[in-house]
Amino acid sequence: MDSSPLLVRFLCASLLLFCLCRGQSSRELSSEDFEVKKMPTSSEKELVEAMEELLGKFQDRYPMYQKRAQIPMCDIGERCAVKQGPRIGKLCDCSRGSSCNTFLLKCI
């Protein structure tokens, strides 16, 4: 029994089905797609106010991220890092538009 003619027929049928169904869309448009958003109701407003109140309370407990120590700014050509054994420590931050070169240990 040779299966190649059966396989050819199956491939032709699937190609025909693919070509026929390619342009069709399964999703139909409805009036919900074009609906204008409604204004929030009073219960939604109350929920928003309660959430803002809770966020305000927790914001006081957990302050926003702050840097541990303020690092001074360096000018171009100044030393910005120091080699401490296998590590490199920062002395200062380079000004905008320059970066600290780890080989020269200077702002370039």
PDB file of N, CA and C in Angstrom:
ATOM      1  N   MET A   1       0.841  -1.175   0.000  1.00  0.00           N
ATOM      2  CA  MET A   1       0.000   0.000   0.000  1.00  0.00           C
ATOM      3  C   MET A   1       0.893   1.248   0.000  1.00  0.00           C
ATOM      4  N   ASP A   2       0.734   2.101  -0.991  1.00  0.00           N
ATOM      5  CA  ASP A   2       1.547   3.303  -1.139  1.00  0.00           C
ATOM      6  C   ASP A   2       0.771   4.499  -0.583  1.00  0.00           C
ATOM      7  N   SER A   3       1.381   5.226   0.360  1.00  0.00           N
ATOM      8  CA  SER A   3       0.675   6.337   1.021  1.00  0.00           C
ATOM      9  C   SER A   3       0.961   7.684   0.376  1.00  0.00           C
ATOM     10  N   SER A   4       1.811   7.749  -0.634  1.00  0.00           N
ATOM     11  CA  SER A   4       2.146   9.039  -1.230  1.00  0.00           C
ATOM     12  C   SER A   4       0.964   9.700  -1.934  1.00  0.00           C
ATOM     13  N   PRO A   5       0.083   9.000  -2.688  1.00  0.00           N
ATOM     14  CA  PRO A   5      -1.070   9.696  -3.272  1.00  0.00           C
ATOM     15  C   PRO A   5      -2.013  10.249  -2.192  1.00  0.00           C
ATOM     16  N   LEU A   6      -2.161   9.487  -1.110  1.00  0.00           N
ATOM     17  CA  LEU A   6      -3.020   9.945  -0.019  1.00  0.00           C
ATOM     18  C   LEU A   6      -2.429  11.199   0.628  1.00  0.00           C
ATOM     19  N   LEU A   7      -1.122  11.223   0.783  1.00  0.00           N
ATOM     20  CA  LEU A   7      -0.451  12.379   1.375  1.00  0.00           C
ATOM     21  C   LEU A   7      -0.560  13.595   0.468  1.00  0.00           C
ATOM     22  N   VAL A   8      -0.427  13.415  -0.833  1.00  0.00           N
ATOM     23  CA  VAL A   8      -0.551  14.511  -1.795  1.00  0.00           C
ATOM     24  C   VAL A   8      -1.952  15.086  -1.761  1.00  0.00           C
ATOM     25  N   ARG A   9      -2.961  14.229  -1.701  1.00  0.00           N
ATOM     26  CA  ARG A   9      -4.357  14.699  -1.631  1.00  0.00           C
ATOM     27  C   ARG A   9      -4.600  15.501  -0.350  1.00  0.00           C
ATOM     28  N   PHE A  10      -4.052  14.990   0.750  1.00  0.00           N
ATOM     29  CA  PHE A  10      -4.225  15.689   2.026  1.00  0.00           C
ATOM     30  C   PHE A  10      -3.566  17.067   1.991  1.00  0.00           C
ATOM     31  N   LEU A  11      -2.367  17.159   1.446  1.00  0.00           N
ATOM     32  CA  LEU A  11      -1.673  18.441   1.352  1.00  0.00           C
ATOM     33  C   LEU A  11      -2.408  19.418   0.443  1.00  0.00           C
ATOM     34  N   CYS A  12      -2.966  18.912  -0.684  1.00  0.00           N
ATOM     35  CA  CYS A  12      -3.731  19.784  -1.588  1.00  0.00           C
ATOM     36  C   CYS A  12      -4.996  20.302  -0.916  1.00  0.00           C
ATOM     37  N   ALA A  13      -5.685  19.411  -0.189  1.00  0.00           N
ATOM     38  CA  ALA A  13      -6.903  19.821   0.502  1.00  0.00           C
ATOM     39  C   ALA A  13      -6.597  20.861   1.578  1.00  0.00           C
ATOM     40  N   SER A  14      -5.493  20.685   2.341  1.00  0.00           N
ATOM     41  CA  SER A  14      -5.169  21.655   3.384  1.00  0.00           C
ATOM     42  C   SER A  14      -4.722  22.979   2.779  1.00  0.00           C
ATOM     43  N   LEU A  15      -4.031  22.950   1.648  1.00  0.00           N
ATOM     44  CA  LEU A  15      -3.639  24.189   0.974  1.00  0.00           C
ATOM     45  C   LEU A  15      -4.859  24.940   0.474  1.00  0.00           C
ATOM     46  N   LEU A  16      -5.827  24.223  -0.077  1.00  0.00           N
ATOM     47  CA  LEU A  16      -7.063  24.831  -0.554  1.00  0.00           C
ATOM     48  C   LEU A  16      -7.838  25.455   0.609  1.00  0.00           C
ATOM     49  N   LEU A  17      -7.929  24.733   1.707  1.00  0.00           N
ATOM     50  CA  LEU A  17      -8.622  25.256   2.892  1.00  0.00           C
ATOM     51  C   LEU A  17      -7.920  26.500   3.418  1.00  0.00           C
ATOM     52  N   PHE A  18      -6.595  26.478   3.450  1.00  0.00           N
ATOM     53  CA  PHE A  18      -5.833  27.622   3.933  1.00  0.00           C
ATOM     54  C   PHE A  18      -6.085  28.849   3.073  1.00  0.00           C
ATOM     55  N   CYS A  19      -6.095  28.664   1.761  1.00  0.00           N
ATOM     56  CA  CYS A  19      -6.311  29.793   0.852  1.00  0.00           C
ATOM     57  C   CYS A  19      -7.720  30.351   0.974  1.00  0.00           C
ATOM     58  N   LEU A  20      -8.709  29.502   1.184  1.00  0.00           N
ATOM     59  CA  LEU A  20     -10.095  29.960   1.290  1.00  0.00           C
ATOM     60  C   LEU A  20     -10.363  30.676   2.610  1.00  0.00           C
ATOM     61  N   CYS A  21      -9.751  30.200   3.662  1.00  0.00           N
ATOM     62  CA  CYS A  21     -10.041  30.756   4.992  1.00  0.00           C
ATOM     63  C   CYS A  21      -9.107  31.896   5.380  1.00  0.00           C
ATOM     64  N   ARG A  22      -8.136  32.192   4.576  1.00  0.00           N
ATOM     65  CA  ARG A  22      -7.130  33.189   4.947  1.00  0.00           C
ATOM     66  C   ARG A  22      -7.722  34.582   5.113  1.00  0.00           C
ATOM     67  N   GLY A  23      -8.631  35.002   4.271  1.00  0.00           N
ATOM     68  CA  GLY A  23      -9.169  36.348   4.322  1.00  0.00           C
ATOM     69  C   GLY A  23     -10.291  36.542   5.316  1.00  0.00           C
ATOM     70  N   GLN A  24     -10.789  35.493   5.931  1.00  0.00           N
ATOM     71  CA  GLN A  24     -11.910  35.624   6.851  1.00  0.00           C
ATOM     72  C   GLN A  24     -11.426  35.968   8.244  1.00  0.00           C
ATOM     73  N   SER A  25     -12.204  36.744   8.926  1.00  0.00           N
ATOM     74  CA  SER A  25     -11.904  37.125  10.300  1.00  0.00           C
ATOM     75  C   SER A  25     -12.916  36.464  11.212  1.00  0.00           C
ATOM     76  N   SER A  26     -12.434  35.894  12.296  1.00  0.00           N
ATOM     77  CA  SER A  26     -13.354  35.207  13.198  1.00  0.00           C
ATOM     78  C   SER A  26     -14.049  36.173  14.152  1.00  0.00           C
ATOM     79  N   ARG A  27     -13.520  37.381  14.311  1.00  0.00           N
ATOM     80  CA  ARG A  27     -14.097  38.333  15.258  1.00  0.00           C
ATOM     81  C   ARG A  27     -15.019  39.294  14.523  1.00  0.00           C
ATOM     82  N   GLU A  28     -16.212  39.427  15.026  1.00  0.00           N
ATOM     83  CA  GLU A  28     -17.161  40.372  14.446  1.00  0.00           C
ATOM     84  C   GLU A  28     -17.190  41.634  15.289  1.00  0.00           C
ATOM     85  N   LEU A  29     -17.431  42.755  14.655  1.00  0.00           N
ATOM     86  CA  LEU A  29     -17.510  44.017  15.367  1.00  0.00           C
ATOM     87  C   LEU A  29     -18.867  44.140  16.024  1.00  0.00           C
ATOM     88  N   SER A  30     -18.880  44.688  17.201  1.00  0.00           N
ATOM     89  CA  SER A  30     -20.136  44.898  17.910  1.00  0.00           C
ATOM     90  C   SER A  30     -20.193  46.343  18.390  1.00  0.00           C
ATOM     91  N   SER A  31     -21.325  46.711  18.932  1.00  0.00           N
ATOM     92  CA  SER A  31     -21.484  48.075  19.428  1.00  0.00           C
ATOM     93  C   SER A  31     -20.616  48.324  20.656  1.00  0.00           C
ATOM     94  N   GLU A  32     -20.212  47.263  21.368  1.00  0.00           N
ATOM     95  CA  GLU A  32     -19.356  47.426  22.542  1.00  0.00           C
ATOM     96  C   GLU A  32     -17.970  47.950  22.176  1.00  0.00           C
ATOM     97  N   ASP A  33     -17.537  47.650  20.954  1.00  0.00           N
ATOM     98  CA  ASP A  33     -16.228  48.115  20.523  1.00  0.00           C
ATOM     99  C   ASP A  33     -16.188  49.629  20.364  1.00  0.00           C
ATOM    100  N   PHE A  34     -17.311  50.238  20.069  1.00  0.00           N
ATOM    101  CA  PHE A  34     -17.373  51.669  19.816  1.00  0.00           C
ATOM    102  C   PHE A  34     -18.017  52.438  20.956  1.00  0.00           C
ATOM    103  N   GLU A  35     -18.200  51.797  22.098  1.00  0.00           N
ATOM    104  CA  GLU A  35     -18.878  52.426  23.223  1.00  0.00           C
ATOM    105  C   GLU A  35     -17.967  53.460  23.879  1.00  0.00           C
ATOM    106  N   VAL A  36     -18.532  54.606  24.201  1.00  0.00           N
ATOM    107  CA  VAL A  36     -17.797  55.678  24.863  1.00  0.00           C
ATOM    108  C   VAL A  36     -17.713  55.339  26.346  1.00  0.00           C
ATOM    109  N   LYS A  37     -16.544  55.608  26.962  1.00  0.00           N
ATOM    110  CA  LYS A  37     -16.376  55.318  28.377  1.00  0.00           C
ATOM    111  C   LYS A  37     -17.313  56.190  29.193  1.00  0.00           C
ATOM    112  N   LYS A  38     -17.922  55.570  30.184  1.00  0.00           N
ATOM    113  CA  LYS A  38     -18.855  56.305  31.038  1.00  0.00           C
ATOM    114  C   LYS A  38     -18.100  56.969  32.183  1.00  0.00           C
ATOM    115  N   MET A  39     -18.729  57.939  32.795  1.00  0.00           N
ATOM    116  CA  MET A  39     -18.150  58.640  33.928  1.00  0.00           C
ATOM    117  C   MET A  39     -18.182  57.724  35.148  1.00  0.00           C
ATOM    118  N   PRO A  40     -17.180  57.838  36.043  1.00  0.00           N
ATOM    119  CA  PRO A  40     -17.170  56.988  37.225  1.00  0.00           C
ATOM    120  C   PRO A  40     -18.355  57.293  38.141  1.00  0.00           C
ATOM    121  N   THR A  41     -18.862  56.254  38.755  1.00  0.00           N
ATOM    122  CA  THR A  41     -19.997  56.414  39.660  1.00  0.00           C
ATOM    123  C   THR A  41     -19.493  56.864  41.026  1.00  0.00           C
ATOM    124  N   SER A  42     -20.421  57.160  41.910  1.00  0.00           N
ATOM    125  CA  SER A  42     -20.043  57.649  43.232  1.00  0.00           C
ATOM    126  C   SER A  42     -19.321  56.573  44.032  1.00  0.00           C
ATOM    127  N   SER A  43     -19.713  55.307  43.860  1.00  0.00           N
ATOM    128  CA  SER A  43     -19.024  54.244  44.594  1.00  0.00           C
ATOM    129  C   SER A  43     -17.587  54.104  44.110  1.00  0.00           C
ATOM    130  N   GLU A  44     -17.358  54.270  42.803  1.00  0.00           N
ATOM    131  CA  GLU A  44     -15.995  54.210  42.284  1.00  0.00           C
ATOM    132  C   GLU A  44     -15.170  55.376  42.813  1.00  0.00           C
ATOM    133  N   LYS A  45     -15.788  56.548  42.914  1.00  0.00           N
ATOM    134  CA  LYS A  45     -15.082  57.716  43.458  1.00  0.00           C
ATOM    135  C   LYS A  45     -14.708  57.485  44.912  1.00  0.00           C
ATOM    136  N   GLU A  46     -15.615  56.877  45.693  1.00  0.00           N
ATOM    137  CA  GLU A  46     -15.325  56.586  47.091  1.00  0.00           C
ATOM    138  C   GLU A  46     -14.165  55.604  47.213  1.00  0.00           C
ATOM    139  N   LEU A  47     -14.128  54.596  46.346  1.00  0.00           N
ATOM    140  CA  LEU A  47     -13.029  53.641  46.366  1.00  0.00           C
ATOM    141  C   LEU A  47     -11.697  54.309  46.042  1.00  0.00           C
ATOM    142  N   VAL A  48     -11.707  55.212  45.081  1.00  0.00           N
ATOM    143  CA  VAL A  48     -10.483  55.918  44.710  1.00  0.00           C
ATOM    144  C   VAL A  48     -10.007  56.778  45.880  1.00  0.00           C
ATOM    145  N   GLU A  49     -10.919  57.470  46.534  1.00  0.00           N
ATOM    146  CA  GLU A  49     -10.548  58.299  47.677  1.00  0.00           C
ATOM    147  C   GLU A  49      -9.984  57.459  48.812  1.00  0.00           C
ATOM    148  N   ALA A  50     -10.569  56.289  49.057  1.00  0.00           N
ATOM    149  CA  ALA A  50     -10.073  55.407  50.115  1.00  0.00           C
ATOM    150  C   ALA A  50      -8.669  54.896  49.777  1.00  0.00           C
ATOM    151  N   MET A  51      -8.442  54.557  48.520  1.00  0.00           N
ATOM    152  CA  MET A  51      -7.115  54.095  48.110  1.00  0.00           C
ATOM    153  C   MET A  51      -6.072  55.203  48.254  1.00  0.00           C
ATOM    154  N   GLU A  52      -6.428  56.433  47.885  1.00  0.00           N
ATOM    155  CA  GLU A  52      -5.504  57.553  48.032  1.00  0.00           C
ATOM    156  C   GLU A  52      -5.166  57.790  49.502  1.00  0.00           C
ATOM    157  N   GLU A  53      -6.139  57.632  50.364  1.00  0.00           N
ATOM    158  CA  GLU A  53      -5.916  57.807  51.798  1.00  0.00           C
ATOM    159  C   GLU A  53      -4.953  56.741  52.323  1.00  0.00           C
ATOM    160  N   LEU A  54      -5.159  55.483  51.917  1.00  0.00           N
ATOM    161  CA  LEU A  54      -4.273  54.407  52.342  1.00  0.00           C
ATOM    162  C   LEU A  54      -2.856  54.610  51.816  1.00  0.00           C
ATOM    163  N   LEU A  55      -2.740  55.009  50.573  1.00  0.00           N
ATOM    164  CA  LEU A  55      -1.416  55.256  50.009  1.00  0.00           C
ATOM    165  C   LEU A  55      -0.697  56.377  50.737  1.00  0.00           C
ATOM    166  N   GLY A  56      -1.438  57.406  51.127  1.00  0.00           N
ATOM    167  CA  GLY A  56      -0.850  58.504  51.877  1.00  0.00           C
ATOM    168  C   GLY A  56      -0.316  58.045  53.228  1.00  0.00           C
ATOM    169  N   LYS A  57      -1.051  57.155  53.898  1.00  0.00           N
ATOM    170  CA  LYS A  57      -0.602  56.645  55.196  1.00  0.00           C
ATOM    171  C   LYS A  57       0.673  55.813  55.046  1.00  0.00           C
ATOM    172  N   PHE A  58       0.706  54.930  54.054  1.00  0.00           N
ATOM    173  CA  PHE A  58       1.868  54.074  53.877  1.00  0.00           C
ATOM    174  C   PHE A  58       3.074  54.830  53.340  1.00  0.00           C
ATOM    175  N   GLN A  59       2.854  55.898  52.614  1.00  0.00           N
ATOM    176  CA  GLN A  59       3.960  56.686  52.091  1.00  0.00           C
ATOM    177  C   GLN A  59       4.715  57.355  53.233  1.00  0.00           C
ATOM    178  N   ASP A  60       4.003  57.731  54.296  1.00  0.00           N
ATOM    179  CA  ASP A  60       4.647  58.331  55.446  1.00  0.00           C
ATOM    180  C   ASP A  60       5.520  57.314  56.182  1.00  0.00           C
ATOM    181  N   ARG A  61       5.081  56.057  56.230  1.00  0.00           N
ATOM    182  CA  ARG A  61       5.846  55.016  56.918  1.00  0.00           C
ATOM    183  C   ARG A  61       7.086  54.603  56.150  1.00  0.00           C
ATOM    184  N   TYR A  62       6.955  54.494  54.845  1.00  0.00           N
ATOM    185  CA  TYR A  62       8.052  54.031  53.999  1.00  0.00           C
ATOM    186  C   TYR A  62       8.467  55.156  53.063  1.00  0.00           C
ATOM    187  N   PRO A  63       9.475  55.937  53.457  1.00  0.00           N
ATOM    188  CA  PRO A  63       9.889  57.062  52.600  1.00  0.00           C
ATOM    189  C   PRO A  63      10.484  56.563  51.288  1.00  0.00           C
ATOM    190  N   MET A  64      10.466  57.426  50.310  1.00  0.00           N
ATOM    191  CA  MET A  64      11.000  57.080  48.998  1.00  0.00           C
ATOM    192  C   MET A  64      12.499  56.822  49.108  1.00  0.00           C
ATOM    193  N   TYR A  65      13.031  56.130  48.112  1.00  0.00           N
ATOM    194  CA  TYR A  65      14.447  55.784  48.075  1.00  0.00           C
ATOM    195  C   TYR A  65      15.297  57.043  48.090  1.00  0.00           C
ATOM    196  N   GLN A  66      16.277  57.058  48.967  1.00  0.00           N
ATOM    197  CA  GLN A  66      17.208  58.173  49.038  1.00  0.00           C
ATOM    198  C   GLN A  66      18.620  57.620  48.971  1.00  0.00           C
ATOM    199  N   LYS A  67      19.540  58.365  48.380  1.00  0.00           N
ATOM    200  CA  LYS A  67      20.930  57.935  48.331  1.00  0.00           C
ATOM    201  C   LYS A  67      21.501  57.936  49.743  1.00  0.00           C
ATOM    202  N   ARG A  68      22.385  56.986  50.012  1.00  0.00           N
ATOM    203  CA  ARG A  68      23.001  56.909  51.339  1.00  0.00           C
ATOM    204  C   ARG A  68      23.894  58.121  51.601  1.00  0.00           C
ATOM    205  N   ALA A  69      24.749  58.387  50.661  1.00  0.00           N
ATOM    206  CA  ALA A  69      25.654  59.528  50.820  1.00  0.00           C
ATOM    207  C   ALA A  69      25.666  60.306  49.511  1.00  0.00           C
ATOM    208  N   GLN A  70      25.647  61.597  49.621  1.00  0.00           N
ATOM    209  CA  GLN A  70      25.702  62.431  48.429  1.00  0.00           C
ATOM    210  C   GLN A  70      27.128  62.431  47.907  1.00  0.00           C
ATOM    211  N   ILE A  71      27.305  62.009  46.666  1.00  0.00           N
ATOM    212  CA  ILE A  71      28.626  61.978  46.050  1.00  0.00           C
ATOM    213  C   ILE A  71      28.823  63.287  45.299  1.00  0.00           C
ATOM    214  N   PRO A  72      29.942  64.010  45.539  1.00  0.00           N
ATOM    215  CA  PRO A  72      30.169  65.288  44.844  1.00  0.00           C
ATOM    216  C   PRO A  72      30.408  65.071  43.354  1.00  0.00           C
ATOM    217  N   MET A  73      30.256  66.129  42.592  1.00  0.00           N
ATOM    218  CA  MET A  73      30.456  66.072  41.144  1.00  0.00           C
ATOM    219  C   MET A  73      31.908  66.402  40.804  1.00  0.00           C
ATOM    220  N   CYS A  74      32.444  65.724  39.767  1.00  0.00           N
ATOM    221  CA  CYS A  74      33.806  65.966  39.277  1.00  0.00           C
ATOM    222  C   CYS A  74      33.738  66.670  37.936  1.00  0.00           C
ATOM    223  N   ASP A  75      34.783  67.427  37.624  1.00  0.00           N
ATOM    224  CA  ASP A  75      34.916  68.031  36.298  1.00  0.00           C
ATOM    225  C   ASP A  75      35.684  67.074  35.401  1.00  0.00           C
ATOM    226  N   ILE A  76      35.689  67.344  34.118  1.00  0.00           N
ATOM    227  CA  ILE A  76      36.425  66.512  33.171  1.00  0.00           C
ATOM    228  C   ILE A  76      37.915  66.637  33.451  1.00  0.00           C
ATOM    229  N   GLY A  77      38.612  65.499  33.538  1.00  0.00           N
ATOM    230  CA  GLY A  77      40.038  65.469  33.818  1.00  0.00           C
ATOM    231  C   GLY A  77      40.370  65.202  35.273  1.00  0.00           C
ATOM    232  N   GLU A  78      39.409  65.348  36.177  1.00  0.00           N
ATOM    233  CA  GLU A  78      39.651  65.089  37.596  1.00  0.00           C
ATOM    234  C   GLU A  78      39.551  63.598  37.886  1.00  0.00           C
ATOM    235  N   ARG A  79      40.191  63.200  38.979  1.00  0.00           N
ATOM    236  CA  ARG A  79      40.098  61.803  39.405  1.00  0.00           C
ATOM    237  C   ARG A  79      38.697  61.531  39.922  1.00  0.00           C
ATOM    238  N   CYS A  80      38.106  60.459  39.448  1.00  0.00           N
ATOM    239  CA  CYS A  80      36.747  60.127  39.877  1.00  0.00           C
ATOM    240  C   CYS A  80      36.705  58.804  40.619  1.00  0.00           C
ATOM    241  N   ALA A  81      37.798  58.044  40.601  1.00  0.00           N
ATOM    242  CA  ALA A  81      37.826  56.751  41.262  1.00  0.00           C
ATOM    243  C   ALA A  81      39.214  56.497  41.821  1.00  0.00           C
ATOM    244  N   VAL A  82      39.272  55.577  42.775  1.00  0.00           N
ATOM    245  CA  VAL A  82      40.553  55.198  43.360  1.00  0.00           C
ATOM    246  C   VAL A  82      40.596  53.673  43.409  1.00  0.00           C
ATOM    247  N   LYS A  83      41.747  53.105  43.075  1.00  0.00           N
ATOM    248  CA  LYS A  83      41.894  51.654  43.075  1.00  0.00           C
ATOM    249  C   LYS A  83      42.251  51.210  44.486  1.00  0.00           C
ATOM    250  N   GLN A  84      41.421  50.317  45.034  1.00  0.00           N
ATOM    251  CA  GLN A  84      41.631  49.795  46.377  1.00  0.00           C
ATOM    252  C   GLN A  84      41.789  48.282  46.263  1.00  0.00           C
ATOM    253  N   GLY A  85      42.995  47.840  45.963  1.00  0.00           N
ATOM    254  CA  GLY A  85      43.225  46.410  45.752  1.00  0.00           C
ATOM    255  C   GLY A  85      42.528  45.969  44.479  1.00  0.00           C
ATOM    256  N   PRO A  86      41.727  44.902  44.525  1.00  0.00           N
ATOM    257  CA  PRO A  86      41.032  44.446  43.318  1.00  0.00           C
ATOM    258  C   PRO A  86      39.783  45.263  43.000  1.00  0.00           C
ATOM    259  N   ARG A  87      39.410  46.176  43.881  1.00  0.00           N
ATOM    260  CA  ARG A  87      38.181  46.949  43.685  1.00  0.00           C
ATOM    261  C   ARG A  87      38.496  48.392  43.324  1.00  0.00           C
ATOM    262  N   ILE A  88      37.495  49.031  42.718  1.00  0.00           N
ATOM    263  CA  ILE A  88      37.608  50.450  42.389  1.00  0.00           C
ATOM    264  C   ILE A  88      36.508  51.179  43.134  1.00  0.00           C
ATOM    265  N   GLY A  89      36.882  52.172  43.938  1.00  0.00           N
ATOM    266  CA  GLY A  89      35.906  52.944  44.688  1.00  0.00           C
ATOM    267  C   GLY A  89      35.676  54.295  44.045  1.00  0.00           C
ATOM    268  N   LYS A  90      34.485  54.861  44.247  1.00  0.00           N
ATOM    269  CA  LYS A  90      34.143  56.152  43.643  1.00  0.00           C
ATOM    270  C   LYS A  90      34.511  57.287  44.586  1.00  0.00           C
ATOM    271  N   LEU A  91      35.168  58.284  44.029  1.00  0.00           N
ATOM    272  CA  LEU A  91      35.430  59.513  44.768  1.00  0.00           C
ATOM    273  C   LEU A  91      34.337  60.534  44.491  1.00  0.00           C
ATOM    274  N   CYS A  92      33.913  60.601  43.233  1.00  0.00           N
ATOM    275  CA  CYS A  92      32.886  61.557  42.836  1.00  0.00           C
ATOM    276  C   CYS A  92      32.229  61.096  41.542  1.00  0.00           C
ATOM    277  N   ASP A  93      31.118  61.704  41.193  1.00  0.00           N
ATOM    278  CA  ASP A  93      30.417  61.426  39.939  1.00  0.00           C
ATOM    279  C   ASP A  93      30.882  62.403  38.879  1.00  0.00           C
ATOM    280  N   CYS A  94      31.063  61.900  37.670  1.00  0.00           N
ATOM    281  CA  CYS A  94      31.461  62.763  36.567  1.00  0.00           C
ATOM    282  C   CYS A  94      30.281  63.619  36.127  1.00  0.00           C
ATOM    283  N   SER A  95      30.598  64.808  35.610  1.00  0.00           N
ATOM    284  CA  SER A  95      29.531  65.705  35.163  1.00  0.00           C
ATOM    285  C   SER A  95      28.813  65.107  33.964  1.00  0.00           C
ATOM    286  N   ARG A  96      27.703  65.688  33.613  1.00  0.00           N
ATOM    287  CA  ARG A  96      26.873  65.178  32.527  1.00  0.00           C
ATOM    288  C   ARG A  96      27.640  65.232  31.207  1.00  0.00           C
ATOM    289  N   GLY A  97      27.561  64.145  30.444  1.00  0.00           N
ATOM    290  CA  GLY A  97      28.245  64.072  29.165  1.00  0.00           C
ATOM    291  C   GLY A  97      29.622  63.439  29.254  1.00  0.00           C
ATOM    292  N   SER A  98      30.092  63.133  30.461  1.00  0.00           N
ATOM    293  CA  SER A  98      31.375  62.459  30.620  1.00  0.00           C
ATOM    294  C   SER A  98      31.173  61.220  31.478  1.00  0.00           C
ATOM    295  N   SER A  99      32.169  60.344  31.454  1.00  0.00           N
ATOM    296  CA  SER A  99      32.073  59.127  32.252  1.00  0.00           C
ATOM    297  C   SER A  99      33.416  58.841  32.886  1.00  0.00           C
ATOM    298  N   CYS A 100      33.399  58.019  33.925  1.00  0.00           N
ATOM    299  CA  CYS A 100      34.610  57.689  34.655  1.00  0.00           C
ATOM    300  C   CYS A 100      35.315  56.529  33.958  1.00  0.00           C
ATOM    301  N   ASN A 101      36.529  56.747  33.496  1.00  0.00           N
ATOM    302  CA  ASN A 101      37.323  55.717  32.850  1.00  0.00           C
ATOM    303  C   ASN A 101      37.981  54.878  33.925  1.00  0.00           C
ATOM    304  N   THR A 102      37.713  53.563  33.918  1.00  0.00           N
ATOM    305  CA  THR A 102      38.241  52.702  34.982  1.00  0.00           C
ATOM    306  C   THR A 102      39.711  52.388  34.799  1.00  0.00           C
ATOM    307  N   PHE A 103      40.283  52.621  33.624  1.00  0.00           N
ATOM    308  CA  PHE A 103      41.705  52.391  33.407  1.00  0.00           C
ATOM    309  C   PHE A 103      42.522  53.595  33.875  1.00  0.00           C
ATOM    310  N   LEU A 104      42.097  54.795  33.464  1.00  0.00           N
ATOM    311  CA  LEU A 104      42.798  56.012  33.855  1.00  0.00           C
ATOM    312  C   LEU A 104      42.334  56.550  35.195  1.00  0.00           C
ATOM    313  N   LEU A 105      41.156  56.139  35.632  1.00  0.00           N
ATOM    314  CA  LEU A 105      40.532  56.601  36.886  1.00  0.00           C
ATOM    315  C   LEU A 105      40.277  58.108  36.852  1.00  0.00           C
ATOM    316  N   LYS A 106      39.911  58.603  35.662  1.00  0.00           N
ATOM    317  CA  LYS A 106      39.632  60.035  35.483  1.00  0.00           C
ATOM    318  C   LYS A 106      38.351  60.197  34.672  1.00  0.00           C
ATOM    319  N   CYS A 107      37.721  61.353  34.834  1.00  0.00           N
ATOM    320  CA  CYS A 107      36.544  61.682  34.020  1.00  0.00           C
ATOM    321  C   CYS A 107      36.997  62.060  32.621  1.00  0.00           C
ATOM    322  N   ILE A 108      36.432  61.407  31.648  1.00  0.00           N
ATOM    323  CA  ILE A 108      36.753  61.757  30.247  1.00  0.00           C
ATOM    324  C   ILE A 108      35.474  61.955  29.477  1.00  0.00           C
TER     325      ILE A 108
END
